Amino acid sequence: MKKLYYGNICPDEHIHPENPEYKLLNEKISNSIEAYHKKLTPDEYDELEKLIDLLGQTTSMYSAAAYTEGFRLGALMIMEVMGAGK
């Protein structure tokens, strides 16, 4: 509980998808980014990086919202099981 109180719980640090396709997709992304790095001018590549950063921000926001909704749903299920919803 101390970790929760002091804000030292970061669930996203413990998420490691076990789907083997996840690693393959990340490798494809890395390879594509490297290819664009070689193909584009420095200014064009900077613009691409900005776009990738924006996509990362929206993905992070979506993940946080999904986590919150999942937590809320789990708490509601526990309340229902424990009879608090009656």
Protein backbone atom coordinates (compact mmCIF):
# COMPACT_ATOMS: atom_id res chain seq x y z
CA MET A 1 0.00 0.00 0.00
CA LYS A 2 2.94 2.34 0.57
CA LYS A 3 3.81 2.15 -3.13
CA LEU A 4 0.28 3.23 -4.01
CA TYR A 5 0.32 6.06 -1.46
CA TYR A 6 3.66 7.42 -2.70
CA GLY A 7 2.71 7.08 -6.36
CA ASN A 8 5.30 4.40 -7.10
CA ILE A 9 3.00 2.02 -8.93
CA CYS A 10 3.44 2.14 -12.70
CA PRO A 11 1.43 -0.71 -14.25
CA ASP A 12 2.57 0.15 -17.76
CA GLU A 13 6.14 -0.79 -16.81
CA HIS A 14 5.03 -4.37 -16.22
CA ILE A 15 3.16 -4.92 -19.46
CA HIS A 16 4.98 -7.30 -21.77
CA PRO A 17 2.70 -8.77 -24.44
CA GLU A 18 3.30 -12.48 -24.84
CA ASN A 19 1.85 -12.65 -28.33
CA PRO A 20 4.77 -13.66 -30.59
CA GLU A 21 3.40 -11.41 -33.31
CA TYR A 22 4.04 -8.37 -31.07
CA LYS A 23 7.81 -8.77 -31.33
CA LEU A 24 7.60 -9.31 -35.10
CA LEU A 25 5.49 -6.18 -35.55
CA ASN A 26 7.95 -4.12 -33.52
CA GLU A 27 10.81 -5.42 -35.65
CA LYS A 28 8.89 -4.46 -38.81
CA ILE A 29 8.27 -0.99 -37.41
CA SER A 30 11.95 -0.55 -36.51
CA ASN A 31 13.03 -1.72 -39.95
CA SER A 32 10.59 0.65 -41.65
CA ILE A 33 11.74 3.59 -39.55
CA GLU A 34 15.37 2.81 -40.36
CA ALA A 35 14.53 2.61 -44.08
CA TYR A 36 12.80 6.00 -43.92
CA HIS A 37 15.77 7.43 -42.04
CA LYS A 38 18.01 6.46 -44.95
CA LYS A 39 15.55 7.54 -47.64
CA LEU A 40 14.32 10.91 -46.34
CA THR A 41 16.07 14.23 -45.98
CA PRO A 42 16.86 15.24 -42.37
CA ASP A 43 13.94 17.70 -42.36
CA GLU A 44 11.53 15.11 -43.75
CA TYR A 45 12.71 12.55 -41.21
CA ASP A 46 12.19 15.07 -38.37
CA GLU A 47 8.59 15.52 -39.55
CA LEU A 48 8.12 11.75 -39.58
CA GLU A 49 9.48 11.53 -36.03
CA LYS A 50 7.03 14.21 -34.92
CA LEU A 51 4.18 12.19 -36.42
CA ILE A 52 5.39 9.02 -34.70
CA ASP A 53 5.56 10.91 -31.40
CA LEU A 54 1.98 12.14 -31.85
CA LEU A 55 0.82 8.59 -32.55
CA GLY A 56 2.63 7.44 -29.42
CA GLN A 57 0.89 10.10 -27.36
CA THR A 58 -2.56 9.09 -28.60
CA THR A 59 -1.76 5.41 -28.02
CA SER A 60 -0.66 6.22 -24.48
CA MET A 61 -3.86 8.17 -23.81
CA TYR A 62 -5.97 5.32 -25.18
CA SER A 63 -4.09 2.76 -23.07
CA ALA A 64 -4.58 4.86 -19.93
CA ALA A 65 -8.31 5.16 -20.64
CA ALA A 66 -8.57 1.41 -21.31
CA TYR A 67 -6.73 0.67 -18.06
CA THR A 68 -9.05 2.97 -16.11
CA GLU A 69 -12.14 1.41 -17.65
CA GLY A 70 -10.83 -2.10 -16.97
CA PHE A 71 -10.08 -1.22 -13.36
CA ARG A 72 -13.54 0.33 -12.95
CA LEU A 73 -15.20 -2.73 -14.46
CA GLY A 74 -13.17 -5.03 -12.20
CA ALA A 75 -14.17 -3.04 -9.12
CA LEU A 76 -17.84 -3.16 -10.15
CA MET A 77 -17.61 -6.92 -10.62
CA ILE A 78 -16.08 -7.34 -7.16
CA MET A 79 -18.83 -5.20 -5.66
CA GLU A 80 -21.45 -7.31 -7.43
CA VAL A 81 -19.90 -10.58 -6.25
CA MET A 82 -19.61 -9.32 -2.68
CA GLY A 83 -23.25 -8.23 -2.71
CA ALA A 84 -22.58 -4.50 -2.42
CA GLY A 85 -24.75 -3.82 -5.43
CA LYS A 86 -27.92 -4.97 -3.65
